[in-house]
Amino acid sequence: MIHIVIDLEMNPVRQSLKEIRRQLPDEVIEIGAVKLDDNFKQVDEFQRYVRPEYSKITRHIKKLTGITDEMLEDKNTFAVEFKNFMDWIATDEVTLYSWSNSDINQLKSECAFKLEDFDVQWLERHWIDLQKEFDDRIGLNGNLALNHAVGAMNKNFKGTQHSALADAINTAAILMLMQDEAEFKRTMQPIIDLINPSRLSSSIGELYPELAALKFDE
């Protein structure tokens, strides 16, 4: 069994293409992934830029990701790069992870639209929402952003946020930590304490102010 942590960057389909937008609101413009072996040790990385077919890069996405039209003009389209990604996985004995379900939802939509022969249910069978697994593990009734989860591990975010490979690498670090229950609990104890209202301290609240705005399980 191998483990693949994946992250995608997307760009919206041009608003004038209403019929296409009903089926495909966004297109993938970058795929980043990390491959872990059966012992959750990193063994490989995958990164590809993808040329969108139905829109230029919007100003917002350019600012968010740093990806420009010029960077993508000679790149392959989604159909080619998704096949390259599947060839890189190279086995059906695989579990895929992402931070939230937005990535699997995007792949299901884009594969259904552009790759008629691909079984999108394969994604469902192999996918895990690591954000939900993490939130459930610490008792959080909310969605903790990836950079906040990395900060809660008392680590600095590696690379640049909203770079697909960097996001995948940081998500993989969380997945690795979650394999050691004792170490995970020790590392996350300040957050677990924070989630319990009876043990809330102002010092921890100042340290993780983003958590104060979320709803917690009693």
N, C-alpha and C. Protein backbone atom coordinates (compact mmCIF):
# COMPACT_ATOMS: atom_id res chain seq x y z
N MET A 1 0.84 -1.20 0.00
CA MET A 1 0.00 0.00 0.00
C MET A 1 0.87 1.25 0.00
N ILE A 2 0.57 2.18 -0.89
CA ILE A 2 1.24 3.47 -0.86
C ILE A 2 0.21 4.54 -0.51
N HIS A 3 0.72 5.69 -0.14
CA HIS A 3 -0.14 6.79 0.28
C HIS A 3 0.24 8.02 -0.53
N ILE A 4 -0.75 8.65 -1.13
CA ILE A 4 -0.54 9.83 -1.96
C ILE A 4 -1.26 11.01 -1.33
N VAL A 5 -0.51 12.05 -1.02
CA VAL A 5 -1.10 13.31 -0.53
C VAL A 5 -1.10 14.29 -1.69
N ILE A 6 -2.27 14.81 -2.04
CA ILE A 6 -2.40 15.63 -3.24
C ILE A 6 -2.99 16.99 -2.91
N ASP A 7 -2.57 17.98 -3.67
CA ASP A 7 -3.18 19.30 -3.58
C ASP A 7 -3.28 19.87 -4.99
N LEU A 8 -4.34 20.63 -5.23
CA LEU A 8 -4.59 21.23 -6.53
C LEU A 8 -4.72 22.74 -6.40
N GLU A 9 -4.31 23.45 -7.43
CA GLU A 9 -4.65 24.86 -7.58
C GLU A 9 -5.58 24.96 -8.78
N MET A 10 -6.60 25.80 -8.66
CA MET A 10 -7.62 25.90 -9.69
C MET A 10 -7.82 27.33 -10.15
N ASN A 11 -8.40 27.46 -11.33
CA ASN A 11 -8.74 28.77 -11.91
C ASN A 11 -10.17 28.69 -12.44
N PRO A 12 -10.99 29.72 -12.22
CA PRO A 12 -12.39 29.64 -12.67
C PRO A 12 -12.52 29.68 -14.19
N VAL A 13 -13.50 28.92 -14.68
CA VAL A 13 -13.86 28.98 -16.10
C VAL A 13 -14.48 30.35 -16.39
N ARG A 14 -14.20 30.87 -17.57
CA ARG A 14 -14.69 32.18 -17.97
C ARG A 14 -16.21 32.29 -17.82
N GLN A 15 -16.68 33.38 -17.24
CA GLN A 15 -18.09 33.53 -16.91
C GLN A 15 -19.00 33.48 -18.13
N SER A 16 -18.50 33.89 -19.26
CA SER A 16 -19.33 33.88 -20.47
C SER A 16 -19.65 32.47 -20.96
N LEU A 17 -18.89 31.48 -20.50
CA LEU A 17 -19.11 30.09 -20.91
C LEU A 17 -20.08 29.42 -19.94
N LYS A 18 -21.31 29.87 -19.97
CA LYS A 18 -22.30 29.45 -18.96
C LYS A 18 -22.58 27.95 -19.00
N GLU A 19 -22.69 27.37 -20.19
CA GLU A 19 -22.99 25.94 -20.29
C GLU A 19 -21.87 25.09 -19.70
N ILE A 20 -20.64 25.49 -19.97
CA ILE A 20 -19.49 24.74 -19.42
C ILE A 20 -19.43 24.94 -17.91
N ARG A 21 -19.65 26.15 -17.43
CA ARG A 21 -19.56 26.44 -16.01
C ARG A 21 -20.56 25.65 -15.18
N ARG A 22 -21.70 25.28 -15.80
CA ARG A 22 -22.68 24.47 -15.06
C ARG A 22 -22.10 23.11 -14.70
N GLN A 23 -21.22 22.61 -15.53
CA GLN A 23 -20.60 21.30 -15.27
C GLN A 23 -19.21 21.40 -14.69
N LEU A 24 -18.52 22.50 -15.02
CA LEU A 24 -17.11 22.63 -14.63
C LEU A 24 -16.83 24.08 -14.26
N PRO A 25 -17.08 24.48 -13.01
CA PRO A 25 -16.85 25.87 -12.61
C PRO A 25 -15.38 26.29 -12.63
N ASP A 26 -14.48 25.32 -12.36
CA ASP A 26 -13.05 25.62 -12.28
C ASP A 26 -12.25 24.59 -13.07
N GLU A 27 -11.02 24.95 -13.38
CA GLU A 27 -10.07 24.02 -14.01
C GLU A 27 -8.80 23.94 -13.17
N VAL A 28 -8.20 22.77 -13.13
CA VAL A 28 -6.92 22.57 -12.45
C VAL A 28 -5.82 23.29 -13.23
N ILE A 29 -4.98 24.04 -12.52
CA ILE A 29 -3.82 24.66 -13.16
C ILE A 29 -2.50 24.18 -12.54
N GLU A 30 -2.57 23.46 -11.44
CA GLU A 30 -1.37 22.85 -10.86
C GLU A 30 -1.75 21.63 -10.05
N ILE A 31 -0.96 20.58 -10.21
CA ILE A 31 -1.10 19.36 -9.41
C ILE A 31 0.19 19.18 -8.62
N GLY A 32 0.08 19.03 -7.31
CA GLY A 32 1.22 18.72 -6.47
C GLY A 32 0.90 17.52 -5.61
N ALA A 33 1.84 16.61 -5.46
CA ALA A 33 1.57 15.41 -4.68
C ALA A 33 2.85 14.85 -4.08
N VAL A 34 2.68 14.14 -2.99
CA VAL A 34 3.78 13.47 -2.30
C VAL A 34 3.41 12.00 -2.17
N LYS A 35 4.36 11.14 -2.45
CA LYS A 35 4.15 9.69 -2.33
C LYS A 35 4.85 9.18 -1.07
N LEU A 36 4.10 8.46 -0.24
CA LEU A 36 4.63 7.85 0.98
C LEU A 36 4.54 6.34 0.86
N ASP A 37 5.51 5.64 1.43
CA ASP A 37 5.47 4.18 1.38
C ASP A 37 4.55 3.63 2.47
N ASP A 38 4.57 2.32 2.64
CA ASP A 38 3.67 1.66 3.59
C ASP A 38 3.94 2.09 5.03
N ASN A 39 5.14 2.60 5.28
CA ASN A 39 5.50 3.08 6.62
C ASN A 39 5.37 4.60 6.75
N PHE A 40 4.71 5.21 5.78
CA PHE A 40 4.47 6.66 5.77
C PHE A 40 5.77 7.45 5.71
N LYS A 41 6.73 6.92 4.98
CA LYS A 41 7.97 7.64 4.70
C LYS A 41 7.91 8.17 3.27
N GLN A 42 8.31 9.43 3.09
CA GLN A 42 8.24 10.02 1.76
C GLN A 42 9.25 9.36 0.82
N VAL A 43 8.77 8.99 -0.37
CA VAL A 43 9.65 8.35 -1.35
C VAL A 43 9.69 9.09 -2.69
N ASP A 44 8.74 10.02 -2.92
CA ASP A 44 8.74 10.70 -4.21
C ASP A 44 7.83 11.93 -4.16
N GLU A 45 8.01 12.80 -5.16
CA GLU A 45 7.16 13.99 -5.31
C GLU A 45 6.70 14.10 -6.75
N PHE A 46 5.57 14.76 -6.94
CA PHE A 46 5.02 15.00 -8.28
C PHE A 46 4.53 16.43 -8.35
N GLN A 47 4.94 17.16 -9.38
CA GLN A 47 4.45 18.53 -9.57
C GLN A 47 4.32 18.82 -11.06
N ARG A 48 3.14 19.29 -11.45
CA ARG A 48 2.91 19.67 -12.84
C ARG A 48 2.03 20.92 -12.90
N TYR A 49 2.40 21.85 -13.76
CA TYR A 49 1.49 22.92 -14.11
C TYR A 49 0.60 22.43 -15.25
N VAL A 50 -0.62 22.96 -15.30
CA VAL A 50 -1.61 22.49 -16.26
C VAL A 50 -2.21 23.70 -16.99
N ARG A 51 -2.26 23.63 -18.29
CA ARG A 51 -2.81 24.74 -19.09
C ARG A 51 -4.34 24.65 -19.14
N PRO A 52 -5.03 25.66 -18.65
CA PRO A 52 -6.49 25.64 -18.69
C PRO A 52 -7.00 25.84 -20.12
N GLU A 53 -8.18 25.32 -20.39
CA GLU A 53 -8.73 25.37 -21.74
C GLU A 53 -9.83 26.42 -21.90
N TYR A 54 -10.37 26.92 -20.79
CA TYR A 54 -11.57 27.75 -20.90
C TYR A 54 -11.44 29.11 -20.22
N SER A 55 -10.23 29.53 -19.91
CA SER A 55 -10.08 30.86 -19.32
C SER A 55 -8.62 31.22 -19.17
N LYS A 56 -8.35 32.51 -19.19
CA LYS A 56 -7.05 33.01 -18.77
C LYS A 56 -7.02 33.03 -17.23
N ILE A 57 -5.82 33.10 -16.67
CA ILE A 57 -5.69 33.15 -15.22
C ILE A 57 -6.25 34.48 -14.71
N THR A 58 -7.13 34.39 -13.73
CA THR A 58 -7.73 35.61 -13.19
C THR A 58 -6.72 36.35 -12.32
N ARG A 59 -6.99 37.62 -12.11
CA ARG A 59 -6.10 38.45 -11.28
C ARG A 59 -6.00 37.87 -9.86
N HIS A 60 -7.15 37.43 -9.32
CA HIS A 60 -7.15 36.88 -7.96
C HIS A 60 -6.29 35.63 -7.87
N ILE A 61 -6.43 34.71 -8.81
CA ILE A 61 -5.67 33.46 -8.77
C ILE A 61 -4.19 33.73 -9.00
N LYS A 62 -3.88 34.67 -9.86
CA LYS A 62 -2.48 35.04 -10.10
C LYS A 62 -1.84 35.56 -8.81
N LYS A 63 -2.58 36.41 -8.09
CA LYS A 63 -2.06 36.94 -6.83
C LYS A 63 -1.96 35.85 -5.78
N LEU A 64 -2.92 34.95 -5.73
CA LEU A 64 -2.96 33.90 -4.71
C LEU A 64 -1.86 32.86 -4.91
N THR A 65 -1.66 32.44 -6.17
CA THR A 65 -0.77 31.31 -6.44
C THR A 65 0.56 31.70 -7.08
N GLY A 66 0.62 32.91 -7.66
CA GLY A 66 1.81 33.29 -8.40
C GLY A 66 1.88 32.70 -9.80
N ILE A 67 0.84 31.96 -10.20
CA ILE A 67 0.81 31.33 -11.52
C ILE A 67 0.28 32.31 -12.55
N THR A 68 0.97 32.43 -13.68
CA THR A 68 0.58 33.36 -14.74
C THR A 68 0.27 32.60 -16.03
N ASP A 69 -0.40 33.28 -16.95
CA ASP A 69 -0.67 32.68 -18.26
C ASP A 69 0.62 32.30 -18.97
N GLU A 70 1.64 33.13 -18.83
CA GLU A 70 2.91 32.86 -19.49
C GLU A 70 3.54 31.56 -18.99
N MET A 71 3.36 31.26 -17.72
CA MET A 71 3.91 30.03 -17.15
C MET A 71 3.22 28.79 -17.70
N LEU A 72 1.99 28.94 -18.17
CA LEU A 72 1.18 27.79 -18.57
C LEU A 72 1.03 27.62 -20.07
N GLU A 73 1.47 28.59 -20.86
CA GLU A 73 1.15 28.55 -22.28
C GLU A 73 1.76 27.36 -23.02
N ASP A 74 2.87 26.81 -22.53
CA ASP A 74 3.48 25.65 -23.19
C ASP A 74 3.26 24.36 -22.40
N LYS A 75 2.37 24.39 -21.40
CA LYS A 75 2.14 23.21 -20.57
C LYS A 75 1.05 22.33 -21.17
N ASN A 76 1.00 21.09 -20.71
CA ASN A 76 -0.03 20.16 -21.16
C ASN A 76 -1.38 20.50 -20.55
N THR A 77 -2.43 20.02 -21.19
CA THR A 77 -3.77 20.18 -20.66
C THR A 77 -4.03 19.12 -19.58
N PHE A 78 -5.18 19.25 -18.94
CA PHE A 78 -5.52 18.38 -17.82
C PHE A 78 -5.51 16.90 -18.20
N ALA A 79 -6.07 16.56 -19.35
CA ALA A 79 -6.16 15.15 -19.74
C ALA A 79 -4.79 14.49 -19.76
N VAL A 80 -3.79 15.21 -20.26
CA VAL A 80 -2.44 14.65 -20.33
C VAL A 80 -1.83 14.54 -18.95
N GLU A 81 -1.92 15.60 -18.16
CA GLU A 81 -1.24 15.60 -16.87
C GLU A 81 -1.94 14.72 -15.84
N PHE A 82 -3.24 14.56 -15.93
CA PHE A 82 -3.89 13.63 -15.01
C PHE A 82 -3.46 12.20 -15.33
N LYS A 83 -3.33 11.87 -16.62
CA LYS A 83 -2.82 10.55 -16.98
C LYS A 83 -1.39 10.38 -16.45
N ASN A 84 -0.56 11.42 -16.56
CA ASN A 84 0.79 11.34 -16.02
C ASN A 84 0.76 11.10 -14.51
N PHE A 85 -0.18 11.75 -13.83
CA PHE A 85 -0.32 11.57 -12.39
C PHE A 85 -0.71 10.13 -12.07
N MET A 86 -1.67 9.57 -12.81
CA MET A 86 -2.08 8.20 -12.55
C MET A 86 -0.96 7.22 -12.87
N ASP A 87 -0.19 7.49 -13.92
CA ASP A 87 0.96 6.64 -14.23
C ASP A 87 2.00 6.71 -13.12
N TRP A 88 2.16 7.88 -12.51
CA TRP A 88 3.11 8.06 -11.40
C TRP A 88 2.66 7.26 -10.18
N ILE A 89 1.36 7.21 -9.92
CA ILE A 89 0.86 6.38 -8.81
C ILE A 89 1.18 4.92 -9.07
N ALA A 90 0.84 4.46 -10.26
CA ALA A 90 1.29 3.16 -10.78
C ALA A 90 0.81 1.93 -10.00
N THR A 91 -0.23 2.07 -9.21
CA THR A 91 -0.77 0.92 -8.49
C THR A 91 -2.20 1.22 -8.05
N ASP A 92 -2.98 0.17 -7.89
CA ASP A 92 -4.33 0.34 -7.35
C ASP A 92 -4.33 0.19 -5.82
N GLU A 93 -3.18 -0.24 -5.27
CA GLU A 93 -3.05 -0.36 -3.82
C GLU A 93 -2.61 0.98 -3.25
N VAL A 94 -3.55 1.91 -3.20
CA VAL A 94 -3.20 3.28 -2.86
C VAL A 94 -4.34 3.93 -2.08
N THR A 95 -3.96 4.82 -1.17
CA THR A 95 -4.92 5.71 -0.53
C THR A 95 -4.49 7.13 -0.83
N LEU A 96 -5.46 7.96 -1.24
CA LEU A 96 -5.19 9.36 -1.54
C LEU A 96 -5.76 10.23 -0.42
N TYR A 97 -5.03 11.29 -0.09
CA TYR A 97 -5.43 12.20 0.98
C TYR A 97 -5.36 13.64 0.47
N SER A 98 -6.28 14.46 0.94
CA SER A 98 -6.20 15.90 0.67
C SER A 98 -6.74 16.64 1.88
N TRP A 99 -6.42 17.93 1.95
CA TRP A 99 -6.91 18.75 3.05
C TRP A 99 -8.25 19.33 2.63
N SER A 100 -9.34 18.66 3.00
CA SER A 100 -10.73 18.96 2.64
C SER A 100 -11.10 18.16 1.39
N ASN A 101 -12.38 18.21 1.05
CA ASN A 101 -12.87 17.47 -0.11
C ASN A 101 -12.90 18.31 -1.38
N SER A 102 -12.41 19.54 -1.34
CA SER A 102 -12.48 20.38 -2.54
C SER A 102 -11.68 19.78 -3.69
N ASP A 103 -10.57 19.11 -3.39
CA ASP A 103 -9.74 18.56 -4.46
C ASP A 103 -10.40 17.35 -5.13
N ILE A 104 -10.96 16.44 -4.34
CA ILE A 104 -11.63 15.30 -4.97
C ILE A 104 -12.85 15.76 -5.75
N ASN A 105 -13.57 16.74 -5.24
CA ASN A 105 -14.73 17.25 -5.98
C ASN A 105 -14.31 17.86 -7.31
N GLN A 106 -13.18 18.58 -7.31
CA GLN A 106 -12.67 19.14 -8.55
C GLN A 106 -12.27 18.05 -9.53
N LEU A 107 -11.54 17.05 -9.05
CA LEU A 107 -11.11 15.97 -9.94
C LEU A 107 -12.30 15.19 -10.49
N LYS A 108 -13.30 14.94 -9.67
CA LYS A 108 -14.49 14.24 -10.16
C LYS A 108 -15.17 15.03 -11.27
N SER A 109 -15.31 16.34 -11.07
CA SER A 109 -15.96 17.19 -12.07
C SER A 109 -15.13 17.26 -13.36
N GLU A 110 -13.82 17.47 -13.20
CA GLU A 110 -12.99 17.67 -14.39
C GLU A 110 -12.76 16.37 -15.14
N CYS A 111 -12.61 15.27 -14.42
CA CYS A 111 -12.47 13.98 -15.09
C CYS A 111 -13.75 13.61 -15.83
N ALA A 112 -14.90 13.84 -15.20
CA ALA A 112 -16.17 13.53 -15.85
C ALA A 112 -16.35 14.36 -17.11
N PHE A 113 -15.87 15.61 -17.10
CA PHE A 113 -16.04 16.52 -18.23
C PHE A 113 -15.02 16.26 -19.34
N LYS A 114 -13.78 15.93 -18.96
CA LYS A 114 -12.70 15.84 -19.95
C LYS A 114 -12.19 14.44 -20.22
N LEU A 115 -12.49 13.48 -19.33
CA LEU A 115 -11.98 12.11 -19.47
C LEU A 115 -13.13 11.13 -19.33
N GLU A 116 -13.88 10.94 -20.40
CA GLU A 116 -15.09 10.14 -20.35
C GLU A 116 -14.84 8.70 -19.94
N ASP A 117 -13.65 8.19 -20.23
CA ASP A 117 -13.36 6.78 -19.94
C ASP A 117 -12.87 6.54 -18.51
N PHE A 118 -12.63 7.62 -17.76
CA PHE A 118 -12.12 7.44 -16.40
C PHE A 118 -13.26 7.21 -15.43
N ASP A 119 -13.09 6.22 -14.54
CA ASP A 119 -14.10 5.89 -13.53
C ASP A 119 -13.93 6.83 -12.34
N VAL A 120 -14.76 7.86 -12.25
CA VAL A 120 -14.61 8.83 -11.16
C VAL A 120 -14.89 8.20 -9.80
N GLN A 121 -15.61 7.07 -9.78
CA GLN A 121 -15.86 6.40 -8.51
C GLN A 121 -14.59 5.80 -7.93
N TRP A 122 -13.57 5.60 -8.78
CA TRP A 122 -12.28 5.14 -8.28
C TRP A 122 -11.74 6.13 -7.25
N LEU A 123 -11.94 7.42 -7.52
CA LEU A 123 -11.48 8.44 -6.58
C LEU A 123 -12.20 8.29 -5.24
N GLU A 124 -13.50 8.11 -5.29
CA GLU A 124 -14.28 7.93 -4.06
C GLU A 124 -13.78 6.75 -3.24
N ARG A 125 -13.44 5.68 -3.92
CA ARG A 125 -13.04 4.45 -3.22
C ARG A 125 -11.68 4.58 -2.56
N HIS A 126 -10.85 5.49 -3.04
CA HIS A 126 -9.46 5.57 -2.55
C HIS A 126 -9.16 6.84 -1.76
N TRP A 127 -10.15 7.71 -1.57
CA TRP A 127 -9.88 9.06 -1.05
C TRP A 127 -10.21 9.20 0.43
N ILE A 128 -9.40 9.97 1.15
CA ILE A 128 -9.66 10.33 2.55
C ILE A 128 -9.51 11.84 2.71
N ASP A 129 -10.48 12.45 3.36
CA ASP A 129 -10.41 13.87 3.70
C ASP A 129 -9.60 14.00 4.99
N LEU A 130 -8.33 14.36 4.87
CA LEU A 130 -7.45 14.39 6.05
C LEU A 130 -7.83 15.54 6.99
N GLN A 131 -8.36 16.61 6.46
CA GLN A 131 -8.80 17.71 7.31
C GLN A 131 -9.86 17.23 8.30
N LYS A 132 -10.83 16.47 7.81
CA LYS A 132 -11.88 15.94 8.69
C LYS A 132 -11.29 14.95 9.70
N GLU A 133 -10.38 14.09 9.23
CA GLU A 133 -9.74 13.13 10.14
C GLU A 133 -8.99 13.86 11.25
N PHE A 134 -8.29 14.92 10.89
CA PHE A 134 -7.53 15.71 11.87
C PHE A 134 -8.48 16.39 12.85
N ASP A 135 -9.51 17.06 12.33
CA ASP A 135 -10.46 17.76 13.19
C ASP A 135 -11.16 16.79 14.14
N ASP A 136 -11.55 15.62 13.63
CA ASP A 136 -12.20 14.62 14.48
C ASP A 136 -11.25 14.13 15.57
N ARG A 137 -9.99 13.97 15.21
CA ARG A 137 -9.00 13.44 16.16
C ARG A 137 -8.82 14.38 17.35
N ILE A 138 -8.86 15.69 17.11
CA ILE A 138 -8.66 16.64 18.21
C ILE A 138 -9.98 17.13 18.80
N GLY A 139 -11.12 16.63 18.26
CA GLY A 139 -12.42 17.00 18.80
C GLY A 139 -12.92 18.35 18.34
N LEU A 140 -12.48 18.78 17.17
CA LEU A 140 -12.84 20.09 16.66
C LEU A 140 -14.04 19.99 15.73
N ASN A 141 -15.08 20.74 16.03
CA ASN A 141 -16.27 20.78 15.18
C ASN A 141 -16.16 21.99 14.26
N GLY A 142 -15.24 21.90 13.32
CA GLY A 142 -14.99 23.01 12.41
C GLY A 142 -13.92 22.61 11.42
N ASN A 143 -13.53 23.52 10.56
CA ASN A 143 -12.54 23.23 9.53
C ASN A 143 -11.30 24.09 9.76
N LEU A 144 -10.24 23.47 10.24
CA LEU A 144 -9.00 24.19 10.52
C LEU A 144 -8.19 24.32 9.24
N ALA A 145 -7.79 25.53 8.90
CA ALA A 145 -6.99 25.77 7.70
C ALA A 145 -5.67 25.03 7.80
N LEU A 146 -5.11 24.66 6.65
CA LEU A 146 -3.87 23.88 6.63
C LEU A 146 -2.74 24.59 7.35
N ASN A 147 -2.54 25.88 7.07
CA ASN A 147 -1.44 26.59 7.72
C ASN A 147 -1.62 26.67 9.23
N HIS A 148 -2.88 26.73 9.70
CA HIS A 148 -3.13 26.74 11.14
C HIS A 148 -2.86 25.37 11.75
N ALA A 149 -3.19 24.31 11.01
CA ALA A 149 -2.91 22.96 11.50
C ALA A 149 -1.41 22.74 11.62
N VAL A 150 -0.66 23.23 10.62
CA VAL A 150 0.80 23.12 10.67
C VAL A 150 1.34 23.93 11.84
N GLY A 151 0.81 25.13 12.06
CA GLY A 151 1.23 25.94 13.19
C GLY A 151 0.91 25.28 14.52
N ALA A 152 -0.23 24.59 14.58
CA ALA A 152 -0.60 23.89 15.81
C ALA A 152 0.38 22.77 16.13
N MET A 153 1.08 22.25 15.10
CA MET A 153 2.12 21.24 15.32
C MET A 153 3.42 21.87 15.79
N ASN A 154 3.42 23.20 15.97
CA ASN A 154 4.61 23.95 16.35
C ASN A 154 5.70 23.85 15.28
N LYS A 155 5.25 23.87 14.02
CA LYS A 155 6.17 23.83 12.89
C LYS A 155 5.91 25.02 11.98
N ASN A 156 6.92 25.43 11.24
CA ASN A 156 6.75 26.46 10.24
C ASN A 156 6.28 25.83 8.93
N PHE A 157 5.42 26.53 8.22
CA PHE A 157 4.94 26.05 6.93
C PHE A 157 6.11 25.99 5.96
N LYS A 158 6.31 24.83 5.33
CA LYS A 158 7.42 24.65 4.39
C LYS A 158 7.00 25.14 3.01
N GLY A 159 7.77 26.06 2.45
CA GLY A 159 7.46 26.55 1.13
C GLY A 159 6.44 27.67 1.16
N THR A 160 5.78 27.88 0.04
CA THR A 160 4.82 28.96 -0.13
C THR A 160 3.40 28.42 -0.14
N GLN A 161 2.54 29.02 0.67
CA GLN A 161 1.14 28.60 0.67
C GLN A 161 0.53 28.82 -0.70
N HIS A 162 -0.40 27.93 -1.07
CA HIS A 162 -1.09 27.95 -2.36
C HIS A 162 -0.14 27.61 -3.51
N SER A 163 0.96 26.97 -3.17
CA SER A 163 1.75 26.22 -4.14
C SER A 163 1.36 24.76 -3.93
N ALA A 164 0.91 24.09 -4.99
CA ALA A 164 0.32 22.76 -4.82
C ALA A 164 1.29 21.78 -4.16
N LEU A 165 2.54 21.77 -4.59
CA LEU A 165 3.49 20.83 -4.00
C LEU A 165 3.78 21.18 -2.55
N ALA A 166 3.96 22.46 -2.24
CA ALA A 166 4.21 22.86 -0.85
C ALA A 166 3.03 22.49 0.04
N ASP A 167 1.82 22.73 -0.43
CA ASP A 167 0.64 22.36 0.35
C ASP A 167 0.58 20.86 0.57
N ALA A 168 0.93 20.08 -0.46
CA ALA A 168 0.94 18.62 -0.32
C ALA A 168 2.00 18.16 0.68
N ILE A 169 3.18 18.78 0.64
CA ILE A 169 4.26 18.42 1.56
C ILE A 169 3.84 18.70 3.00
N ASN A 170 3.22 19.83 3.25
CA ASN A 170 2.80 20.17 4.61
C ASN A 170 1.64 19.29 5.07
N THR A 171 0.74 18.94 4.17
CA THR A 171 -0.34 18.01 4.52
C THR A 171 0.24 16.64 4.84
N ALA A 172 1.24 16.22 4.10
CA ALA A 172 1.89 14.94 4.36
C ALA A 172 2.54 14.91 5.74
N ALA A 173 3.10 16.05 6.17
CA ALA A 173 3.71 16.11 7.51
C ALA A 173 2.66 15.86 8.59
N ILE A 174 1.45 16.37 8.38
CA ILE A 174 0.37 16.13 9.33
C ILE A 174 -0.02 14.66 9.31
N LEU A 175 -0.14 14.09 8.11
CA LEU A 175 -0.47 12.67 8.00
C LEU A 175 0.56 11.80 8.71
N MET A 176 1.83 12.12 8.55
CA MET A 176 2.88 11.35 9.22
C MET A 176 2.75 11.43 10.73
N LEU A 177 2.50 12.62 11.26
CA LEU A 177 2.36 12.79 12.70
C LEU A 177 1.17 11.99 13.22
N MET A 178 0.11 11.92 12.45
CA MET A 178 -1.10 11.24 12.91
C MET A 178 -0.93 9.73 13.02
N GLN A 179 0.17 9.19 12.50
CA GLN A 179 0.40 7.74 12.60
C GLN A 179 0.91 7.33 13.98
N ASP A 180 1.40 8.30 14.76
CA ASP A 180 1.91 8.03 16.10
C ASP A 180 0.96 8.68 17.10
N GLU A 181 0.05 7.92 17.65
CA GLU A 181 -1.01 8.46 18.50
C GLU A 181 -0.45 9.20 19.71
N ALA A 182 0.57 8.62 20.35
CA ALA A 182 1.13 9.25 21.54
C ALA A 182 1.80 10.58 21.20
N GLU A 183 2.58 10.59 20.12
CA GLU A 183 3.27 11.81 19.71
C GLU A 183 2.27 12.86 19.23
N PHE A 184 1.23 12.41 18.53
CA PHE A 184 0.20 13.34 18.07
C PHE A 184 -0.48 13.99 19.27
N LYS A 185 -0.84 13.21 20.26
CA LYS A 185 -1.51 13.76 21.43
C LYS A 185 -0.60 14.72 22.19
N ARG A 186 0.68 14.36 22.33
CA ARG A 186 1.62 15.24 23.02
C ARG A 186 1.77 16.56 22.28
N THR A 187 1.91 16.48 20.97
CA THR A 187 2.11 17.68 20.16
C THR A 187 0.87 18.56 20.16
N MET A 188 -0.29 17.94 20.08
CA MET A 188 -1.53 18.70 19.92
C MET A 188 -2.22 19.02 21.24
N GLN A 189 -1.59 18.65 22.38
CA GLN A 189 -2.26 18.85 23.67
C GLN A 189 -2.70 20.31 23.92
N PRO A 190 -1.89 21.31 23.55
CA PRO A 190 -2.37 22.69 23.75
C PRO A 190 -3.66 22.98 22.99
N ILE A 191 -3.80 22.42 21.79
CA ILE A 191 -5.02 22.63 21.02
C ILE A 191 -6.17 21.86 21.63
N ILE A 192 -5.91 20.63 22.07
CA ILE A 192 -6.95 19.82 22.71
C ILE A 192 -7.43 20.52 23.98
N ASP A 193 -6.50 21.11 24.73
CA ASP A 193 -6.88 21.87 25.92
C ASP A 193 -7.74 23.08 25.55
N LEU A 194 -7.37 23.74 24.47
CA LEU A 194 -8.10 24.92 24.03
C LEU A 194 -9.53 24.58 23.65
N ILE A 195 -9.71 23.43 23.03
CA ILE A 195 -11.04 23.03 22.58
C ILE A 195 -11.97 22.76 23.75
N ASN A 196 -11.41 22.35 24.88
CA ASN A 196 -12.22 22.12 26.08
C ASN A 196 -12.45 23.46 26.76
N PRO A 197 -13.67 24.00 26.69
CA PRO A 197 -13.91 25.35 27.22
C PRO A 197 -13.55 25.51 28.69
N SER A 198 -13.66 24.44 29.47
CA SER A 198 -13.38 24.55 30.90
C SER A 198 -11.90 24.72 31.18
N ARG A 199 -11.05 24.46 30.16
CA ARG A 199 -9.60 24.56 30.36
C ARG A 199 -8.99 25.64 29.48
N LEU A 200 -9.86 26.50 28.91
CA LEU A 200 -9.37 27.55 28.03
C LEU A 200 -8.50 28.54 28.80
N SER A 201 -7.35 28.82 28.30
CA SER A 201 -6.47 29.80 28.93
C SER A 201 -6.23 30.95 27.98
N SER A 202 -6.06 32.14 28.52
CA SER A 202 -5.85 33.30 27.66
C SER A 202 -4.54 33.20 26.90
N SER A 203 -3.55 32.58 27.50
CA SER A 203 -2.25 32.50 26.82
C SER A 203 -2.36 31.64 25.56
N ILE A 204 -3.06 30.51 25.65
CA ILE A 204 -3.22 29.67 24.47
C ILE A 204 -4.14 30.35 23.47
N GLY A 205 -5.16 31.06 23.99
CA GLY A 205 -6.05 31.78 23.10
C GLY A 205 -5.32 32.82 22.29
N GLU A 206 -4.34 33.48 22.89
CA GLU A 206 -3.54 34.45 22.16
C GLU A 206 -2.62 33.77 21.15
N LEU A 207 -2.19 32.55 21.50
CA LEU A 207 -1.28 31.83 20.63
C LEU A 207 -1.98 31.33 19.38
N TYR A 208 -3.26 30.90 19.52
CA TYR A 208 -4.02 30.36 18.40
C TYR A 208 -5.35 31.10 18.26
N PRO A 209 -5.34 32.39 17.95
CA PRO A 209 -6.58 33.17 17.92
C PRO A 209 -7.56 32.69 16.86
N GLU A 210 -7.06 32.04 15.79
CA GLU A 210 -7.97 31.59 14.74
C GLU A 210 -8.91 30.50 15.24
N LEU A 211 -8.51 29.78 16.29
CA LEU A 211 -9.37 28.72 16.81
C LEU A 211 -10.55 29.27 17.60
N ALA A 212 -10.39 30.45 18.15
CA ALA A 212 -11.44 31.02 18.99
C ALA A 212 -12.71 31.30 18.21
N ALA A 213 -12.57 31.48 16.90
CA ALA A 213 -13.73 31.79 16.07
C ALA A 213 -14.49 30.55 15.64
N LEU A 214 -13.94 29.37 15.88
CA LEU A 214 -14.59 28.13 15.45
C LEU A 214 -15.50 27.59 16.53
N LYS A 215 -16.45 26.75 16.10
CA LYS A 215 -17.35 26.10 17.05
C LYS A 215 -16.71 24.78 17.49
N PHE A 216 -16.85 24.47 18.75
CA PHE A 216 -16.20 23.27 19.28
C PHE A 216 -17.24 22.32 19.85
N ASP A 217 -16.89 21.02 19.84
CA ASP A 217 -17.73 20.03 20.52
C ASP A 217 -17.66 20.25 22.01
N GLU A 218 -18.80 20.10 22.70
CA GLU A 218 -18.79 20.20 24.15
C GLU A 218 -18.23 18.93 24.76
